[in-house]
Each structure stands twice: as structure tokens, then as C-alpha cells.
């Protein structure tokens, strides 16, 4: 396993982290349970292979993940020092007392005296202003650290990249957890900014939430000998010199062993190889005949079609060759909640096309997407 300096925390972190959001589960009598024998075996195997960072949260695995992570960490007899990360469910904090109540409960769930990395979970502009600043949670974090209840102050992030800079510039945090992968590089500049400011940087979704777990000849061909798209995706993330660790939500022993092998390779991508992938992705995207930037200026469809999401899905198929996944996501549009109206409900009114800064012939492309993905 390769290890990296984790910002200014004084810790060395494994290049691969264990994301405990997708532990094996089963349902019984209407309740969900984690298959702890399988889960703990997986986690211990990861630890044996050098993983020393495990990430959980209050809500993961139907609120059961923290308990299982605690059992796995406390029963591990290996030589590695294990760093435990969990998160404050910011949406459950209505007053300052909630911070302390939840933190104390999490210490009990994980069965530890101190949490190594304690994140404000998924904060963005609104939650940062309306909850973190209003309730002075930065001061509460510092108090918790001074009392030894947590060791490092962190945040996980799900907002626009420019918002991350505002949060980093408070100087309150020691590490950040954010999304970054071959298909979503919006946070790339801010990851470098965080690293330059001395924050450890952990990446969620290096395989793009499963989107890169399928075959794509376009992506597979970017680097020499690789086993498949997941390998090139993980190597791309770990090849970024500003990344400390990539979290993987592994589901079985095979996933653990394959990802640990990739994160243990000494022949990491060279700066030239990484730049080649980066440049190729940009060129491939630019050459697409449907160069939608996702600006959402077209978001005024009378039939509520989520045009930018439709075109994003279409480009997964057309540009990157991730066709199987794209067809599955297309089938959800207009069917699942929050996906907008059915693409087939387009009445070709042209309102969207008039607002598009890329001058995309939107109704025409909607028809094309329906033809190729339905």
C-alpha cells in the first residue's frame, strides 16, 4: 500500500480508503441489518492489505454503519493504526445542544474515546450560512477537539466549487472530502487549493458512483495495460498529486483486493500520462456534437424535462461509451422523483433552444437521445 502525507495533520494516510456506505445488508421483518460477518471480514482484509482510513456516517446502511465499523476497528488485531472518519448529520442540528448530543452518540456507536476525523456532513453555501455559522459550530468543533472527543476537524462537500474556497478560507478545517473522478472534475482546482492550504484531501466517488465500473473502450484506451475502466479511473484520481486518499465503497473481498492492488502499485501514473488522460478527456468532450455545459439556462421547459441531465446521460453513451449505464439512467427520467418530465413529452416549443449559449438544437437532440437510449 502506498501512503501519503495527509495535509498538516501529522498523519500518513493510505492511498485507498474504505468507504463504509455500501456494506452488505439484508432485510428482515421490515428492518435492515448489516451482514456483520461478511462486512467485518471485508474491512479486516482491507486493513491487512494496508488500508488505514475508514469512513462512515450517521445515515449509512440504514443508520447501522457506525456500529459495524466500530466492531471492525475494535476487533482488529493487526499492526496498522486505523484512522476512523465519521460525520455530523448537519440536517439534524437545530440548536447547539444537538451537536453535542449527536457527537456523544456517535462515540458510543463506534465505541471509541475519540474520532480521528470528524466531518460536517455535506455542507454547502446554505447549510454553512444557515446552520454552521448561525449556531457557531466551528467553535463547537474546536471545543470538541480541545476536549479530546475528536482529533481533527473536517468537512465533506456537495456544492459548487467556488463555495469550497470560502469554507477552506475560514482556516477552521484540517481535511476535506469531496467528489472527483474522470467524469466530474469540477473540484479539481479547489482540491489543489485545499492541498496548498495544508488540508488533507480525500476523494469520494473515484469510480463515479459505479458509472465507471462498466466497460468503456474510450476510457480504457487512454493508458497502456490496464484491467479495465475502474482501474484507469482509480489510477487517474490517485495520479493527481493533490489527492491524499481515494475512498472506495467496496462490496466484497474481490473489490477490496483489486482496489488495494491498484493503490499499492509503485508505477503510478507519470505526470505526462496523467496530463495525457486529462487533455484527451477535454478533447473528447469538446469534439462531442452535443457539448452541453450543464449551465441549465434551458431550465424552463413547460414539460419539466431535465434537459441538462438528459444530455449528460446521452454523452456518457456517445462520448465515453458507457452505454449500459446510460440506458439505465435514461429509463429513470420522468419515472423517478426529481428526474423531471418524460423526454418523450417534448412539444418542440423551442423555449430551451433560444436560451442555450451553445446554440444546441435541443428538440432535435432530445429525439436523437430517445432513439439511441430507449
Protein backbone atom coordinates (compact mmCIF):
# COMPACT_ATOMS: atom_id res chain seq x y z
CA UNK A 1 0.00 0.00 0.00
CA UNK A 2 1.18 3.49 -0.83
CA UNK A 3 0.94 6.10 1.94
CA UNK A 4 0.77 9.86 1.65
CA UNK A 5 1.24 12.87 3.88
CA UNK A 6 -2.24 13.91 5.00
CA UNK A 7 -2.06 17.67 4.82
CA UNK A 8 -0.75 19.24 8.01
CA UNK A 9 -2.49 16.71 10.28
CA UNK A 10 0.72 14.84 11.03
CA UNK A 11 -0.86 11.60 9.79
CA UNK A 12 0.20 9.29 6.98
CA UNK A 13 -2.86 8.04 5.12
CA UNK A 14 -3.24 5.04 2.80
CA UNK A 15 -3.87 5.94 -0.83
CA UNK A 16 -7.01 3.78 -0.66
CA UNK A 17 -9.65 4.40 1.99
CA UNK A 18 -12.57 2.15 2.91
CA UNK A 19 -15.95 3.81 2.35
CA UNK A 20 -18.43 2.08 4.66
CA UNK A 21 -21.58 3.29 2.90
CA UNK A 22 -22.31 0.08 0.96
CA UNK A 23 -21.66 -2.70 3.43
CA UNK A 24 -23.59 -5.94 2.70
CA UNK A 25 -27.13 -5.72 4.10
CA UNK A 26 -30.26 -7.80 4.40
CA UNK A 27 -33.88 -7.08 5.32
CA UNK A 28 -35.85 -8.96 7.94
CA UNK A 29 -39.37 -8.19 9.19
CA UNK A 30 -39.25 -4.75 7.61
CA UNK A 31 -35.93 -3.79 9.20
CA UNK A 32 -32.49 -3.55 7.68
CA UNK A 33 -29.38 -5.18 9.10
CA UNK A 34 -25.73 -5.38 8.08
CA UNK A 35 -24.32 -8.84 7.48
CA UNK A 36 -21.58 -8.25 10.02
CA UNK A 37 -19.65 -11.44 9.39
CA UNK A 38 -19.14 -10.51 5.74
CA UNK A 39 -18.67 -6.80 6.41
CA UNK A 40 -16.08 -7.22 9.15
CA UNK A 41 -14.21 -9.82 7.10
CA UNK A 42 -14.03 -7.31 4.23
CA UNK A 43 -12.90 -4.48 6.46
CA UNK A 44 -10.23 -6.59 8.17
CA UNK A 45 -8.96 -7.77 4.79
CA UNK A 46 -8.61 -4.14 3.72
CA UNK A 47 -6.72 -3.35 6.93
CA UNK A 48 -4.43 -6.36 6.36
CA UNK A 49 -3.67 -5.03 2.88
CA UNK A 50 -2.61 -1.68 4.31
CA UNK A 51 -5.77 0.45 4.29
CA UNK A 52 -5.63 2.63 7.42
CA UNK A 53 -8.57 5.02 6.84
CA UNK A 54 -12.23 4.05 7.11
CA UNK A 55 -15.12 6.45 6.56
CA UNK A 56 -18.65 6.06 7.89
CA UNK A 57 -21.60 8.32 8.75
CA UNK A 58 -24.76 8.51 10.82
CA UNK A 59 -27.15 7.59 7.99
CA UNK A 60 -25.10 4.97 6.12
CA UNK A 61 -26.58 1.47 5.75
CA UNK A 62 -29.90 2.44 7.32
CA UNK A 63 -28.12 4.02 10.31
CA UNK A 64 -26.17 0.81 11.06
CA UNK A 65 -22.76 1.51 9.51
CA UNK A 66 -21.16 3.22 12.52
CA UNK A 67 -21.89 0.26 14.80
CA UNK A 68 -20.30 -2.23 12.39
CA UNK A 69 -17.29 -0.02 11.73
CA UNK A 70 -16.77 0.25 15.47
CA UNK A 71 -16.86 -3.52 15.88
CA UNK A 72 -14.45 -4.00 12.98
CA UNK A 73 -11.96 -1.42 14.24
CA UNK A 74 -12.07 -2.54 17.86
CA UNK A 75 -11.69 -6.24 16.99
CA UNK A 76 -8.81 -5.72 14.57
CA UNK A 77 -5.60 -7.22 15.86
CA UNK A 78 -3.25 -6.08 13.12
CA UNK A 79 -0.30 -3.75 13.38
CA UNK A 80 -1.78 -0.80 11.49
CA UNK A 81 -3.08 2.26 13.28
CA UNK A 82 -6.59 2.75 11.93
CA UNK A 83 -7.95 6.25 11.33
CA UNK A 84 -11.72 6.50 11.75
CA UNK A 85 -13.74 9.16 9.96
CA UNK A 86 -17.39 9.94 10.57
CA UNK A 87 -19.72 12.89 10.08
CA UNK A 88 -22.11 15.18 11.89
CA UNK A 89 -25.53 14.97 10.14
CA UNK A 90 -25.85 18.72 9.75
CA UNK A 91 -29.55 18.48 8.81
CA UNK A 92 -30.31 17.13 12.31
CA UNK A 93 -28.67 20.06 14.07
CA UNK A 94 -31.29 22.64 15.00
CA UNK A 95 -29.54 24.05 18.07
CA UNK A 96 -26.09 23.87 19.64
CA UNK A 97 -27.06 21.11 22.07
CA UNK A 98 -27.78 18.84 19.10
CA UNK A 99 -24.10 18.98 18.13
CA UNK A 100 -23.01 17.57 21.49
CA UNK A 101 -25.84 15.05 21.74
CA UNK A 102 -25.07 13.59 18.31
CA UNK A 103 -21.30 13.55 18.82
CA UNK A 104 -21.65 11.70 22.12
CA UNK A 105 -23.99 9.20 20.48
CA UNK A 106 -21.50 8.61 17.67
CA UNK A 107 -18.69 7.96 20.13
CA UNK A 108 -20.90 5.29 21.68
CA UNK A 109 -21.90 3.79 18.34
CA UNK A 110 -18.29 3.45 17.17
CA UNK A 111 -17.17 2.61 20.72
CA UNK A 112 -14.14 4.90 20.74
CA UNK A 113 -12.96 7.66 23.06
CA UNK A 114 -12.08 9.99 20.19
CA UNK A 115 -12.96 10.24 16.50
CA UNK A 116 -9.91 10.80 14.31
CA UNK A 117 -11.61 12.87 11.59
CA UNK A 118 -14.97 14.47 12.33
CA UNK A 119 -16.72 16.00 9.32
CA UNK A 120 -19.53 18.45 9.00
CA UNK A 121 -21.51 16.29 6.57
CA UNK A 122 -22.19 17.57 3.07
CA UNK A 123 -22.09 21.27 3.81
CA UNK A 124 -22.71 23.81 1.08
CA UNK A 125 -23.43 27.51 0.92
CA UNK A 126 -26.88 27.34 2.51
CA UNK A 127 -26.09 24.89 5.31
CA UNK A 128 -22.81 26.65 6.05
CA UNK A 129 -24.52 30.01 6.46
CA UNK A 130 -27.83 28.88 7.95
CA UNK A 131 -26.53 26.22 10.36
CA UNK A 132 -22.75 26.23 10.77
CA UNK A 133 -22.31 29.97 11.16
CA UNK A 134 -25.66 30.66 12.82
CA UNK A 135 -25.04 28.07 15.54
CA UNK A 136 -21.31 28.79 15.72
CA UNK A 137 -20.46 25.15 15.05
CA UNK A 138 -16.86 26.00 14.20
CA UNK A 139 -16.38 26.96 17.84
CA UNK A 140 -18.11 23.74 18.94
CA UNK A 141 -15.74 21.71 16.76
CA UNK A 142 -12.76 23.42 18.36
CA UNK A 143 -14.15 22.75 21.84
CA UNK A 144 -14.70 19.09 20.97
CA UNK A 145 -11.11 18.87 19.76
CA UNK A 146 -9.77 20.54 22.91
CA UNK A 147 -11.77 18.07 25.00
CA UNK A 148 -10.27 15.14 23.08
CA UNK A 149 -13.59 13.98 21.64
CA UNK A 150 -12.29 14.48 18.11
CA UNK A 151 -8.73 14.76 16.81
CA UNK A 152 -9.16 16.60 13.51
CA UNK A 153 -11.81 18.96 12.12
CA UNK A 154 -13.07 18.15 8.64
CA UNK A 155 -15.91 18.74 6.21
CA UNK A 156 -17.48 16.84 3.36
CA UNK A 157 -18.74 18.85 0.43
CA UNK A 158 -21.55 18.76 -2.17
CA UNK A 159 -21.84 22.24 -3.68
CA UNK A 160 -20.30 24.42 -6.36
CA UNK A 161 -16.50 24.52 -6.34
CA UNK A 162 -16.29 28.24 -5.51
CA UNK A 163 -18.18 27.64 -2.27
CA UNK A 164 -15.46 25.25 -1.14
CA UNK A 165 -12.92 28.07 -1.23
CA UNK A 166 -15.00 30.14 1.19
CA UNK A 167 -15.14 27.23 3.63
CA UNK A 168 -11.43 26.46 3.33
CA UNK A 169 -10.56 30.12 3.89
CA UNK A 170 -12.16 30.07 7.34
CA UNK A 171 -8.99 28.25 8.43
CA UNK A 172 -11.15 26.02 10.63
CA UNK A 173 -10.61 22.70 8.86
CA UNK A 174 -7.81 20.18 8.51
CA UNK A 175 -9.20 17.95 5.76
CA UNK A 176 -11.88 17.90 3.10
CA UNK A 177 -13.86 15.09 1.50
CA UNK A 178 -15.27 15.85 -1.95
CA UNK A 179 -16.26 14.26 -5.23
CA UNK A 180 -13.78 13.95 -8.08
CA UNK A 181 -13.41 11.48 -10.95
CA UNK A 182 -12.83 11.16 -14.67
CA UNK A 183 -16.36 12.33 -15.44
CA UNK A 184 -16.62 15.07 -12.82
CA UNK A 185 -13.57 17.30 -12.46
CA UNK A 186 -15.34 20.40 -11.22
CA UNK A 187 -13.48 20.31 -7.88
CA UNK A 188 -10.02 19.82 -9.39
CA UNK A 189 -8.83 23.40 -8.87
CA UNK A 190 -10.19 23.52 -5.32
CA UNK A 191 -8.53 20.19 -4.46
CA UNK A 192 -5.22 21.81 -5.35
CA UNK A 193 -6.17 24.91 -3.36
CA UNK A 194 -7.00 22.77 -0.33
CA UNK A 195 -3.74 20.87 -0.62
CA UNK A 196 -1.77 24.12 -0.96
CA UNK A 197 -3.51 25.39 2.21
CA UNK A 198 -2.38 22.31 4.14
CA UNK A 199 -5.63 20.36 4.15
CA UNK A 200 -5.70 16.63 3.62
CA UNK A 201 -7.83 15.76 0.59
CA UNK A 202 -10.00 12.65 0.42
CA UNK A 203 -11.97 11.80 -2.70
CA UNK A 204 -15.41 10.22 -2.76
CA UNK A 205 -16.78 8.63 -5.92
CA UNK A 206 -13.49 7.88 -7.74
CA UNK A 207 -15.41 5.34 -9.83
CA UNK A 208 -18.20 7.91 -10.31
CA UNK A 209 -20.73 6.10 -8.16
CA UNK A 210 -20.46 2.96 -10.31
CA UNK A 211 -20.68 4.73 -13.66
CA UNK A 212 -17.05 3.85 -14.37
CA UNK A 213 -17.42 0.27 -13.17
CA UNK A 214 -18.60 -0.69 -16.65
CA UNK A 215 -16.61 -1.20 -19.82
CA UNK A 216 -15.68 1.87 -21.84
CA UNK A 217 -13.22 1.33 -24.66
CA UNK A 218 -12.80 5.11 -24.95
CA UNK A 219 -11.53 5.39 -21.37
CA UNK A 220 -9.75 2.04 -21.24
CA UNK A 221 -7.60 3.02 -24.19
CA UNK A 222 -6.14 6.11 -22.55
CA UNK A 223 -3.30 4.26 -20.79
CA UNK A 224 -1.38 1.12 -21.70
CA UNK A 225 -2.03 -2.17 -19.94
CA UNK A 226 -4.97 -1.86 -17.56
CA UNK A 227 -7.56 -4.39 -16.40
CA UNK A 228 -10.48 -2.14 -17.28
CA UNK A 229 -12.21 1.18 -16.81
CA UNK A 230 -12.33 1.03 -12.96
CA UNK A 231 -8.55 0.71 -12.83
CA UNK A 232 -7.89 3.70 -15.05
CA UNK A 233 -10.48 5.70 -13.08
CA UNK A 234 -8.84 4.95 -9.74
CA UNK A 235 -5.33 5.48 -11.09
CA UNK A 236 -6.40 8.82 -12.56
CA UNK A 237 -7.64 10.06 -9.18
CA UNK A 238 -4.57 8.75 -7.34
CA UNK A 239 -2.35 10.20 -10.05
CA UNK A 240 -3.40 13.71 -9.06
CA UNK A 241 -0.56 14.92 -6.79
CA UNK A 242 -3.02 16.99 -4.74
CA UNK A 243 -5.08 13.94 -3.69
CA UNK A 244 -4.28 12.25 -0.38
CA UNK A 245 -6.70 9.31 -0.49
CA UNK A 246 -9.46 7.85 -2.64
CA UNK A 247 -12.44 6.29 -0.84
CA UNK A 248 -13.98 3.20 -2.35
CA UNK A 249 -17.35 1.80 -1.30
CA UNK A 250 -16.29 -1.82 -1.67
CA UNK A 251 -18.94 -4.56 -1.59
CA UNK A 252 -16.91 -7.78 -1.39
CA UNK A 253 -13.45 -9.24 -0.79
CA UNK A 254 -12.69 -9.19 -4.52
CA UNK A 255 -13.29 -5.42 -4.69
CA UNK A 256 -11.04 -4.93 -1.67
CA UNK A 257 -8.18 -6.94 -3.13
CA UNK A 258 -8.40 -5.41 -6.60
CA UNK A 259 -8.50 -1.82 -5.35
CA UNK A 260 -5.75 -2.44 -2.80
CA UNK A 261 -3.56 -3.84 -5.57
CA UNK A 262 -4.08 -0.71 -7.68
CA UNK A 263 -3.37 1.59 -4.71
CA UNK A 264 -0.23 -0.39 -3.89
CA UNK A 265 1.38 -0.05 -7.31
CA UNK A 266 4.64 1.83 -7.31
CA UNK A 267 4.38 2.52 -11.05
CA UNK A 268 1.85 5.27 -10.57
CA UNK A 269 0.84 7.42 -13.49
CA UNK A 270 3.57 9.81 -14.51
CA UNK A 271 2.77 13.49 -14.79
CA UNK A 272 2.90 13.07 -18.59
CA UNK A 273 0.45 10.14 -18.53
CA UNK A 274 -1.90 11.98 -16.21
CA UNK A 275 -1.79 15.06 -18.45
CA UNK A 276 -2.43 12.90 -21.50
CA UNK A 277 -5.59 11.50 -19.92
CA UNK A 278 -6.68 14.96 -18.82
CA UNK A 279 -6.10 16.50 -22.24
CA UNK A 280 -7.73 13.59 -24.06
CA UNK A 281 -10.85 13.84 -21.92
CA UNK A 282 -11.17 17.54 -22.66
CA UNK A 283 -10.61 16.99 -26.37
CA UNK A 284 -13.10 14.12 -26.46
CA UNK A 285 -15.70 16.22 -24.69
CA UNK A 286 -15.09 19.20 -26.96
CA UNK A 287 -15.41 17.05 -30.07
CA UNK A 288 -18.81 15.85 -28.95
CA UNK A 289 -21.62 17.03 -31.19
CA UNK A 290 -23.60 17.71 -28.05
CA UNK A 291 -21.34 19.94 -25.96
CA UNK A 292 -23.75 20.73 -23.16
CA UNK A 293 -22.02 22.54 -20.29
CA UNK A 294 -24.84 21.93 -17.81
CA UNK A 295 -25.46 25.66 -17.33
CA UNK A 296 -29.23 24.98 -17.04
CA UNK A 297 -30.22 28.16 -18.88
CA UNK A 298 -32.68 25.87 -20.67
CA UNK A 299 -34.36 25.03 -17.36
CA UNK A 300 -37.75 26.50 -18.33
CA UNK A 301 -39.28 23.54 -20.14
CA UNK A 302 -43.10 23.61 -19.88
CA UNK A 303 -43.00 19.79 -19.70
CA UNK A 304 -40.31 19.92 -16.99
CA UNK A 305 -37.84 17.80 -18.95
CA UNK A 306 -34.47 17.83 -17.20
CA UNK A 307 -32.58 18.69 -20.37
CA UNK A 308 -29.07 19.02 -18.93
CA UNK A 309 -29.38 15.66 -17.14
CA UNK A 310 -30.68 14.02 -20.30
CA UNK A 311 -27.73 15.38 -22.30
CA UNK A 312 -25.26 14.37 -19.60
CA UNK A 313 -26.60 10.81 -19.78
CA UNK A 314 -26.51 10.89 -23.56
CA UNK A 315 -22.85 11.95 -23.55
CA UNK A 316 -21.94 9.08 -21.21
CA UNK A 317 -23.10 6.87 -24.05
CA UNK A 318 -21.97 8.87 -27.06
CA UNK A 319 -18.66 10.29 -25.85
CA UNK A 320 -17.40 7.81 -23.27
CA UNK A 321 -19.06 4.61 -24.44
CA UNK A 322 -20.71 3.98 -21.06
CA UNK A 323 -23.84 2.81 -22.82
CA UNK A 324 -25.26 0.21 -20.44
CA UNK A 325 -25.26 2.62 -17.51
CA UNK A 326 -26.59 5.48 -19.67
CA UNK A 327 -29.57 3.42 -20.82
CA UNK A 328 -30.39 2.54 -17.22
CA UNK A 329 -30.31 6.18 -16.16
CA UNK A 330 -32.33 7.24 -19.20
CA UNK A 331 -35.06 4.78 -18.21
CA UNK A 332 -35.46 6.59 -14.88
CA UNK A 333 -36.06 10.03 -16.40
CA UNK A 334 -39.61 11.15 -15.83
CA UNK A 335 -40.33 7.99 -13.85
CA UNK A 336 -38.43 8.54 -10.62
CA UNK A 337 -38.98 11.54 -8.39
CA UNK A 338 -36.85 14.62 -9.09
CA UNK A 339 -35.86 13.47 -12.60
CA UNK A 340 -38.27 15.84 -14.34
CA UNK A 341 -40.71 15.07 -17.12
CA UNK A 342 -40.50 12.30 -19.68
CA UNK A 343 -38.15 13.20 -22.57
CA UNK A 344 -40.81 11.92 -24.95
CA UNK A 345 -43.19 14.65 -23.75
CA UNK A 346 -41.21 17.33 -25.63
CA UNK A 347 -43.55 19.53 -27.68
CA UNK A 348 -40.70 21.24 -29.61
CA UNK A 349 -41.76 24.68 -28.43
CA UNK A 350 -38.19 25.97 -28.79
CA UNK A 351 -38.05 27.91 -25.50
CA UNK A 352 -34.98 25.95 -24.41
CA UNK A 353 -33.16 26.41 -27.70
CA UNK A 354 -33.50 30.20 -27.54
CA UNK A 355 -31.70 30.26 -24.16
CA UNK A 356 -28.87 27.83 -24.98
CA UNK A 357 -25.46 29.62 -25.07
CA UNK A 358 -24.01 26.64 -27.00
CA UNK A 359 -26.71 27.01 -29.70
CA UNK A 360 -27.63 23.34 -29.37
CA UNK A 361 -30.65 22.29 -31.41
CA UNK A 362 -32.23 20.90 -28.27
CA UNK A 363 -35.51 19.36 -29.54
CA UNK A 364 -33.59 17.62 -32.31
CA UNK A 365 -31.03 16.24 -29.84
CA UNK A 366 -33.76 15.11 -27.47
CA UNK A 367 -35.20 12.99 -30.29
CA UNK A 368 -31.75 11.56 -31.01
CA UNK A 369 -31.18 10.70 -27.36
CA UNK A 370 -34.56 8.96 -27.15
CA UNK A 371 -33.78 6.95 -30.29
CA UNK A 372 -30.37 5.76 -29.05
CA UNK A 373 -31.09 5.22 -25.37
CA UNK A 374 -34.66 3.93 -25.20
